[in-house]
């Protein structure tokens, strides 16, 4: 939990780290419980970020997603599946 002044941060952000130089911000929201499992809205964002991370890892493993420094190269669009 991040501390801001005298109160604690009430916000969760989900991101995907593709490399040391590339991080994708997936989504987030107001933290309403100690666990994501008890926050229905956050659970939706958490599941989406996990699905996106899995699909991006698969694209990277097949060579369809290539990283060059701070760039994703040779890929105009990425279609994420539900």
PDB file of N, CA and C in Angstrom:
ATOM      1  N   UNK A   1       0.846  -1.167   0.000  1.00  0.00           N
ATOM      2  CA  UNK A   1       0.000   0.000   0.000  1.00  0.00           C
ATOM      3  C   UNK A   1       0.896   1.236   0.000  1.00  0.00           C
ATOM      4  N   UNK A   2       0.609   2.187  -0.821  1.00  0.00           N
ATOM      5  CA  UNK A   2       1.407   3.415  -0.894  1.00  0.00           C
ATOM      6  C   UNK A   2       0.856   4.440   0.079  1.00  0.00           C
ATOM      7  N   UNK A   3       1.737   5.083   0.793  1.00  0.00           N
ATOM      8  CA  UNK A   3       1.308   6.085   1.767  1.00  0.00           C
ATOM      9  C   UNK A   3       1.470   7.471   1.172  1.00  0.00           C
ATOM     10  N   UNK A   4       0.416   8.247   1.231  1.00  0.00           N
ATOM     11  CA  UNK A   4       0.434   9.621   0.734  1.00  0.00           C
ATOM     12  C   UNK A   4       0.091  10.540   1.897  1.00  0.00           C
ATOM     13  N   UNK A   5       1.071  11.210   2.423  1.00  0.00           N
ATOM     14  CA  UNK A   5       0.826  12.085   3.564  1.00  0.00           C
ATOM     15  C   UNK A   5       0.401  11.275   4.771  1.00  0.00           C
ATOM     16  N   UNK A   6      -0.715  11.656   5.377  1.00  0.00           N
ATOM     17  CA  UNK A   6      -1.203  10.966   6.564  1.00  0.00           C
ATOM     18  C   UNK A   6      -2.225   9.889   6.248  1.00  0.00           C
ATOM     19  N   UNK A   7      -2.604   9.734   4.987  1.00  0.00           N
ATOM     20  CA  UNK A   7      -3.607   8.728   4.641  1.00  0.00           C
ATOM     21  C   UNK A   7      -3.035   7.751   3.622  1.00  0.00           C
ATOM     22  N   UNK A   8      -3.666   6.626   3.503  1.00  0.00           N
ATOM     23  CA  UNK A   8      -3.203   5.606   2.567  1.00  0.00           C
ATOM     24  C   UNK A   8      -3.876   5.774   1.215  1.00  0.00           C
ATOM     25  N   UNK A   9      -3.151   5.408   0.179  1.00  0.00           N
ATOM     26  CA  UNK A   9      -3.667   5.471  -1.182  1.00  0.00           C
ATOM     27  C   UNK A   9      -4.805   4.470  -1.337  1.00  0.00           C
ATOM     28  N   UNK A  10      -5.901   4.892  -1.894  1.00  0.00           N
ATOM     29  CA  UNK A  10      -7.070   4.039  -2.070  1.00  0.00           C
ATOM     30  C   UNK A  10      -7.288   3.680  -3.536  1.00  0.00           C
ATOM     31  N   UNK A  11      -6.202   3.558  -4.284  1.00  0.00           N
ATOM     32  CA  UNK A  11      -6.320   3.319  -5.713  1.00  0.00           C
ATOM     33  C   UNK A  11      -5.389   2.186  -6.120  1.00  0.00           C
ATOM     34  N   UNK A  12      -5.889   1.303  -6.970  1.00  0.00           N
ATOM     35  CA  UNK A  12      -5.071   0.225  -7.517  1.00  0.00           C
ATOM     36  C   UNK A  12      -4.945   0.414  -9.016  1.00  0.00           C
ATOM     37  N   UNK A  13      -3.735   0.221  -9.516  1.00  0.00           N
ATOM     38  CA  UNK A  13      -3.484   0.249 -10.949  1.00  0.00           C
ATOM     39  C   UNK A  13      -2.911  -1.094 -11.366  1.00  0.00           C
ATOM     40  N   UNK A  14      -3.342  -1.571 -12.527  1.00  0.00           N
ATOM     41  CA  UNK A  14      -2.827  -2.826 -13.063  1.00  0.00           C
ATOM     42  C   UNK A  14      -2.050  -2.514 -14.325  1.00  0.00           C
ATOM     43  N   UNK A  15      -0.866  -3.079 -14.409  1.00  0.00           N
ATOM     44  CA  UNK A  15      -0.035  -2.840 -15.579  1.00  0.00           C
ATOM     45  C   UNK A  15       0.670  -4.130 -15.977  1.00  0.00           C
ATOM     46  N   UNK A  16       1.200  -4.113 -17.186  1.00  0.00           N
ATOM     47  CA  UNK A  16       1.902  -5.264 -17.735  1.00  0.00           C
ATOM     48  C   UNK A  16       3.308  -4.798 -18.095  1.00  0.00           C
ATOM     49  N   UNK A  17       4.291  -5.450 -17.554  1.00  0.00           N
ATOM     50  CA  UNK A  17       5.682  -5.110 -17.833  1.00  0.00           C
ATOM     51  C   UNK A  17       6.185  -6.000 -18.961  1.00  0.00           C
ATOM     52  N   UNK A  18       6.376  -5.408 -20.140  1.00  0.00           N
ATOM     53  CA  UNK A  18       6.897  -6.163 -21.276  1.00  0.00           C
ATOM     54  C   UNK A  18       8.417  -6.228 -21.249  1.00  0.00           C
ATOM     55  N   UNK A  19       9.042  -5.183 -20.723  1.00  0.00           N
ATOM     56  CA  UNK A  19      10.501  -5.130 -20.634  1.00  0.00           C
ATOM     57  C   UNK A  19      10.851  -4.073 -19.598  1.00  0.00           C
ATOM     58  N   UNK A  20      12.158  -3.843 -19.418  1.00  0.00           N
ATOM     59  CA  UNK A  20      12.593  -2.783 -18.516  1.00  0.00           C
ATOM     60  C   UNK A  20      12.164  -1.409 -19.010  1.00  0.00           C
ATOM     61  N   UNK A  21      11.878  -1.298 -20.304  1.00  0.00           N
ATOM     62  CA  UNK A  21      11.555   0.000 -20.902  1.00  0.00           C
ATOM     63  C   UNK A  21      10.106   0.158 -21.329  1.00  0.00           C
ATOM     64  N   UNK A  22       9.335  -0.939 -21.336  1.00  0.00           N
ATOM     65  CA  UNK A  22       7.948  -0.869 -21.810  1.00  0.00           C
ATOM     66  C   UNK A  22       7.006  -1.438 -20.751  1.00  0.00           C
ATOM     67  N   UNK A  23       6.095  -0.581 -20.295  1.00  0.00           N
ATOM     68  CA  UNK A  23       5.058  -0.982 -19.354  1.00  0.00           C
ATOM     69  C   UNK A  23       3.730  -0.492 -19.916  1.00  0.00           C
ATOM     70  N   UNK A  24       2.747  -1.375 -19.941  1.00  0.00           N
ATOM     71  CA  UNK A  24       1.419  -1.015 -20.439  1.00  0.00           C
ATOM     72  C   UNK A  24       0.487  -0.867 -19.249  1.00  0.00           C
ATOM     73  N   UNK A  25      -0.131   0.296 -19.131  1.00  0.00           N
ATOM     74  CA  UNK A  25      -1.118   0.524 -18.082  1.00  0.00           C
ATOM     75  C   UNK A  25      -2.438  -0.068 -18.540  1.00  0.00           C
ATOM     76  N   UNK A  26      -2.948  -1.028 -17.778  1.00  0.00           N
ATOM     77  CA  UNK A  26      -4.152  -1.735 -18.193  1.00  0.00           C
ATOM     78  C   UNK A  26      -5.418  -1.055 -17.680  1.00  0.00           C
ATOM     79  N   UNK A  27      -5.485  -0.756 -16.408  1.00  0.00           N
ATOM     80  CA  UNK A  27      -6.663  -0.123 -15.833  1.00  0.00           C
ATOM     81  C   UNK A  27      -6.489  -0.075 -14.334  1.00  0.00           C
ATOM     82  N   UNK A  28      -7.495   0.341 -13.658  1.00  0.00           N
ATOM     83  CA  UNK A  28      -7.459   0.396 -12.206  1.00  0.00           C
ATOM     84  C   UNK A  28      -8.751   0.956 -11.674  1.00  0.00           C
ATOM     85  N   UNK A  29      -8.737   1.247 -10.408  1.00  0.00           N
ATOM     86  CA  UNK A  29      -9.928   1.792  -9.796  1.00  0.00           C
ATOM     87  C   UNK A  29      -9.730   1.998  -8.310  1.00  0.00           C
ATOM     88  N   UNK A  30     -10.784   2.468  -7.678  1.00  0.00           N
ATOM     89  CA  UNK A  30     -10.757   2.733  -6.244  1.00  0.00           C
ATOM     90  C   UNK A  30     -10.771   1.419  -5.484  1.00  0.00           C
ATOM     91  N   UNK A  31      -9.911   1.318  -4.523  1.00  0.00           N
ATOM     92  CA  UNK A  31      -9.789   0.124  -3.695  1.00  0.00           C
ATOM     93  C   UNK A  31     -10.890   0.151  -2.640  1.00  0.00           C
ATOM     94  N   UNK A  32     -11.757  -0.848  -2.656  1.00  0.00           N
ATOM     95  CA  UNK A  32     -12.862  -0.892  -1.700  1.00  0.00           C
ATOM     96  C   UNK A  32     -12.728  -2.033  -0.696  1.00  0.00           C
ATOM     97  N   UNK A  33     -11.701  -2.870  -0.844  1.00  0.00           N
ATOM     98  CA  UNK A  33     -11.468  -3.963   0.087  1.00  0.00           C
ATOM     99  C   UNK A  33      -9.977  -4.283   0.104  1.00  0.00           C
ATOM    100  N   UNK A  34      -9.565  -5.129   1.019  1.00  0.00           N
ATOM    101  CA  UNK A  34      -8.154  -5.492   1.115  1.00  0.00           C
ATOM    102  C   UNK A  34      -7.708  -6.386  -0.037  1.00  0.00           C
ATOM    103  N   UNK A  35      -8.623  -7.167  -0.609  1.00  0.00           N
ATOM    104  CA  UNK A  35      -8.263  -8.084  -1.697  1.00  0.00           C
ATOM    105  C   UNK A  35      -9.048  -7.753  -2.953  1.00  0.00           C
ATOM    106  N   UNK A  36      -8.437  -8.026  -4.088  1.00  0.00           N
ATOM    107  CA  UNK A  36      -9.102  -7.786  -5.365  1.00  0.00           C
ATOM    108  C   UNK A  36     -10.320  -8.710  -5.517  1.00  0.00           C
ATOM    109  N   UNK A  37     -10.257  -9.896  -4.929  1.00  0.00           N
ATOM    110  CA  UNK A  37     -11.365 -10.842  -5.034  1.00  0.00           C
ATOM    111  C   UNK A  37     -12.645 -10.302  -4.391  1.00  0.00           C
ATOM    112  N   UNK A  38     -12.515  -9.404  -3.438  1.00  0.00           N
ATOM    113  CA  UNK A  38     -13.680  -8.824  -2.767  1.00  0.00           C
ATOM    114  C   UNK A  38     -14.095  -7.481  -3.361  1.00  0.00           C
ATOM    115  N   UNK A  39     -13.510  -7.106  -4.482  1.00  0.00           N
ATOM    116  CA  UNK A  39     -13.852  -5.862  -5.170  1.00  0.00           C
ATOM    117  C   UNK A  39     -14.302  -6.200  -6.592  1.00  0.00           C
ATOM    118  N   UNK A  40     -15.607  -6.382  -6.818  1.00  0.00           N
ATOM    119  CA  UNK A  40     -16.087  -6.820  -8.139  1.00  0.00           C
ATOM    120  C   UNK A  40     -15.598  -5.965  -9.304  1.00  0.00           C
ATOM    121  N   UNK A  41     -15.602  -4.645  -9.165  1.00  0.00           N
ATOM    122  CA  UNK A  41     -15.168  -3.794 -10.270  1.00  0.00           C
ATOM    123  C   UNK A  41     -13.669  -3.983 -10.529  1.00  0.00           C
ATOM    124  N   UNK A  42     -12.874  -4.028  -9.471  1.00  0.00           N
ATOM    125  CA  UNK A  42     -11.435  -4.230  -9.646  1.00  0.00           C
ATOM    126  C   UNK A  42     -11.123  -5.614 -10.174  1.00  0.00           C
ATOM    127  N   UNK A  43     -11.905  -6.608  -9.789  1.00  0.00           N
ATOM    128  CA  UNK A  43     -11.673  -7.968 -10.265  1.00  0.00           C
ATOM    129  C   UNK A  43     -11.814  -8.029 -11.783  1.00  0.00           C
ATOM    130  N   UNK A  44     -12.751  -7.283 -12.333  1.00  0.00           N
ATOM    131  CA  UNK A  44     -12.926  -7.216 -13.784  1.00  0.00           C
ATOM    132  C   UNK A  44     -11.666  -6.658 -14.441  1.00  0.00           C
ATOM    133  N   UNK A  45     -11.126  -5.577 -13.898  1.00  0.00           N
ATOM    134  CA  UNK A  45      -9.898  -4.973 -14.437  1.00  0.00           C
ATOM    135  C   UNK A  45      -8.704  -5.910 -14.263  1.00  0.00           C
ATOM    136  N   UNK A  46      -8.635  -6.583 -13.121  1.00  0.00           N
ATOM    137  CA  UNK A  46      -7.553  -7.521 -12.835  1.00  0.00           C
ATOM    138  C   UNK A  46      -7.558  -8.675 -13.835  1.00  0.00           C
ATOM    139  N   UNK A  47      -8.733  -9.242 -14.094  1.00  0.00           N
ATOM    140  CA  UNK A  47      -8.846 -10.345 -15.061  1.00  0.00           C
ATOM    141  C   UNK A  47      -8.487  -9.891 -16.467  1.00  0.00           C
ATOM    142  N   UNK A  48      -8.921  -8.681 -16.841  1.00  0.00           N
ATOM    143  CA  UNK A  48      -8.585  -8.158 -18.160  1.00  0.00           C
ATOM    144  C   UNK A  48      -7.064  -8.013 -18.312  1.00  0.00           C
ATOM    145  N   UNK A  49      -6.409  -7.448 -17.298  1.00  0.00           N
ATOM    146  CA  UNK A  49      -4.952  -7.272 -17.348  1.00  0.00           C
ATOM    147  C   UNK A  49      -4.253  -8.624 -17.455  1.00  0.00           C
ATOM    148  N   UNK A  50      -4.731  -9.621 -16.743  1.00  0.00           N
ATOM    149  CA  UNK A  50      -4.137 -10.957 -16.820  1.00  0.00           C
ATOM    150  C   UNK A  50      -4.314 -11.575 -18.197  1.00  0.00           C
ATOM    151  N   UNK A  51      -5.509 -11.424 -18.785  1.00  0.00           N
ATOM    152  CA  UNK A  51      -5.741 -11.943 -20.138  1.00  0.00           C
ATOM    153  C   UNK A  51      -4.843 -11.232 -21.150  1.00  0.00           C
ATOM    154  N   UNK A  52      -4.732  -9.916 -21.013  1.00  0.00           N
ATOM    155  CA  UNK A  52      -3.892  -9.148 -21.923  1.00  0.00           C
ATOM    156  C   UNK A  52      -2.430  -9.580 -21.782  1.00  0.00           C
ATOM    157  N   UNK A  53      -1.952  -9.745 -20.570  1.00  0.00           N
ATOM    158  CA  UNK A  53      -0.571 -10.167 -20.347  1.00  0.00           C
ATOM    159  C   UNK A  53      -0.315 -11.532 -20.969  1.00  0.00           C
ATOM    160  N   UNK A  54      -1.247 -12.462 -20.803  1.00  0.00           N
ATOM    161  CA  UNK A  54      -1.091 -13.805 -21.369  1.00  0.00           C
ATOM    162  C   UNK A  54      -1.015 -13.748 -22.891  1.00  0.00           C
ATOM    163  N   UNK A  55      -1.896 -12.978 -23.509  1.00  0.00           N
ATOM    164  CA  UNK A  55      -1.907 -12.876 -24.965  1.00  0.00           C
ATOM    165  C   UNK A  55      -0.638 -12.193 -25.486  1.00  0.00           C
ATOM    166  N   UNK A  56      -0.168 -11.177 -24.782  1.00  0.00           N
ATOM    167  CA  UNK A  56       1.062 -10.497 -25.203  1.00  0.00           C
ATOM    168  C   UNK A  56       2.265 -11.419 -25.051  1.00  0.00           C
ATOM    169  N   UNK A  57       2.301 -12.225 -24.006  1.00  0.00           N
ATOM    170  CA  UNK A  57       3.383 -13.197 -23.845  1.00  0.00           C
ATOM    171  C   UNK A  57       3.372 -14.216 -24.973  1.00  0.00           C
ATOM    172  N   UNK A  58       2.174 -14.680 -25.351  1.00  0.00           N
ATOM    173  CA  UNK A  58       2.067 -15.635 -26.446  1.00  0.00           C
ATOM    174  C   UNK A  58       2.540 -15.011 -27.757  1.00  0.00           C
ATOM    175  N   UNK A  59       2.161 -13.759 -28.021  1.00  0.00           N
ATOM    176  CA  UNK A  59       2.606 -13.071 -29.235  1.00  0.00           C
ATOM    177  C   UNK A  59       4.126 -12.903 -29.230  1.00  0.00           C
ATOM    178  N   UNK A  60       4.690 -12.632 -28.072  1.00  0.00           N
ATOM    179  CA  UNK A  60       6.137 -12.488 -27.962  1.00  0.00           C
ATOM    180  C   UNK A  60       6.847 -13.815 -28.215  1.00  0.00           C
ATOM    181  N   UNK A  61       6.300 -14.894 -27.688  1.00  0.00           N
ATOM    182  CA  UNK A  61       6.909 -16.214 -27.854  1.00  0.00           C
ATOM    183  C   UNK A  61       6.861 -16.695 -29.297  1.00  0.00           C
ATOM    184  N   UNK A  62       5.813 -16.318 -30.028  1.00  0.00           N
ATOM    185  CA  UNK A  62       5.704 -16.737 -31.427  1.00  0.00           C
ATOM    186  C   UNK A  62       6.463 -15.813 -32.372  1.00  0.00           C
ATOM    187  N   UNK A  63       6.973 -14.696 -31.844  1.00  0.00           N
ATOM    188  CA  UNK A  63       7.712 -13.759 -32.678  1.00  0.00           C
ATOM    189  C   UNK A  63       6.848 -12.706 -33.341  1.00  0.00           C
ATOM    190  N   UNK A  64       5.537 -12.722 -33.081  1.00  0.00           N
ATOM    191  CA  UNK A  64       4.644 -11.717 -33.669  1.00  0.00           C
ATOM    192  C   UNK A  64       4.798 -10.365 -32.977  1.00  0.00           C
ATOM    193  N   UNK A  65       5.205 -10.374 -31.722  1.00  0.00           N
ATOM    194  CA  UNK A  65       5.434  -9.157 -30.957  1.00  0.00           C
ATOM    195  C   UNK A  65       6.938  -9.040 -30.723  1.00  0.00           C
ATOM    196  N   UNK A  66       7.550  -8.016 -31.311  1.00  0.00           N
ATOM    197  CA  UNK A  66       8.993  -7.823 -31.208  1.00  0.00           C
ATOM    198  C   UNK A  66       9.249  -6.468 -30.555  1.00  0.00           C
ATOM    199  N   UNK A  67      10.109  -6.465 -29.551  1.00  0.00           N
ATOM    200  CA  UNK A  67      10.463  -5.241 -28.849  1.00  0.00           C
ATOM    201  C   UNK A  67      11.863  -4.805 -29.263  1.00  0.00           C
ATOM    202  N   UNK A  68      12.017  -3.496 -29.442  1.00  0.00           N
ATOM    203  CA  UNK A  68      13.318  -2.921 -29.755  1.00  0.00           C
ATOM    204  C   UNK A  68      13.468  -1.668 -28.898  1.00  0.00           C
ATOM    205  N   UNK A  69      14.114  -1.814 -27.757  1.00  0.00           N
ATOM    206  CA  UNK A  69      14.233  -0.686 -26.833  1.00  0.00           C
ATOM    207  C   UNK A  69      12.881  -0.282 -26.301  1.00  0.00           C
ATOM    208  N   UNK A  70      12.489   0.965 -26.576  1.00  0.00           N
ATOM    209  CA  UNK A  70      11.204   1.484 -26.113  1.00  0.00           C
ATOM    210  C   UNK A  70      10.104   1.336 -27.157  1.00  0.00           C
ATOM    211  N   UNK A  71      10.356   0.538 -28.181  1.00  0.00           N
ATOM    212  CA  UNK A  71       9.411   0.396 -29.296  1.00  0.00           C
ATOM    213  C   UNK A  71       8.899  -1.029 -29.432  1.00  0.00           C
ATOM    214  N   UNK A  72       7.637  -1.146 -29.821  1.00  0.00           N
ATOM    215  CA  UNK A  72       7.090  -2.411 -30.309  1.00  0.00           C
ATOM    216  C   UNK A  72       7.170  -2.280 -31.823  1.00  0.00           C
ATOM    217  N   UNK A  73       7.924  -3.173 -32.469  1.00  0.00           N
ATOM    218  CA  UNK A  73       8.178  -3.024 -33.904  1.00  0.00           C
ATOM    219  C   UNK A  73       7.408  -4.058 -34.726  1.00  0.00           C
ATOM    220  N   UNK A  74       7.163  -3.706 -35.988  1.00  0.00           N
ATOM    221  CA  UNK A  74       6.529  -4.588 -36.975  1.00  0.00           C
ATOM    222  C   UNK A  74       5.151  -5.073 -36.559  1.00  0.00           C
ATOM    223  N   UNK A  75       4.434  -4.249 -35.823  1.00  0.00           N
ATOM    224  CA  UNK A  75       3.081  -4.627 -35.391  1.00  0.00           C
ATOM    225  C   UNK A  75       2.261  -3.360 -35.295  1.00  0.00           C
ATOM    226  N   UNK A  76       1.289  -3.218 -36.192  1.00  0.00           N
ATOM    227  CA  UNK A  76       0.468  -2.015 -36.203  1.00  0.00           C
ATOM    228  C   UNK A  76      -0.621  -2.045 -35.147  1.00  0.00           C
ATOM    229  N   UNK A  77      -1.262  -3.220 -35.015  1.00  0.00           N
ATOM    230  CA  UNK A  77      -2.353  -3.342 -34.050  1.00  0.00           C
ATOM    231  C   UNK A  77      -2.225  -4.682 -33.327  1.00  0.00           C
ATOM    232  N   UNK A  78      -2.784  -4.732 -32.147  1.00  0.00           N
ATOM    233  CA  UNK A  78      -2.866  -5.965 -31.375  1.00  0.00           C
ATOM    234  C   UNK A  78      -4.337  -6.179 -31.042  1.00  0.00           C
ATOM    235  N   UNK A  79      -4.890  -7.265 -31.508  1.00  0.00           N
ATOM    236  CA  UNK A  79      -6.288  -7.581 -31.216  1.00  0.00           C
ATOM    237  C   UNK A  79      -6.323  -8.532 -30.036  1.00  0.00           C
ATOM    238  N   UNK A  80      -6.902  -8.049 -28.933  1.00  0.00           N
ATOM    239  CA  UNK A  80      -7.020  -8.868 -27.735  1.00  0.00           C
ATOM    240  C   UNK A  80      -8.343  -9.634 -27.789  1.00  0.00           C
ATOM    241  N   UNK A  81      -8.304 -10.885 -27.427  1.00  0.00           N
ATOM    242  CA  UNK A  81      -9.486 -11.730 -27.451  1.00  0.00           C
ATOM    243  C   UNK A  81     -10.073 -11.868 -26.060  1.00  0.00           C
ATOM    244  N   UNK A  82     -11.396 -11.978 -25.988  1.00  0.00           N
ATOM    245  CA  UNK A  82     -12.056 -12.177 -24.683  1.00  0.00           C
ATOM    246  C   UNK A  82     -11.827 -13.551 -24.136  1.00  0.00           C
TER     247      UNK A  82
END
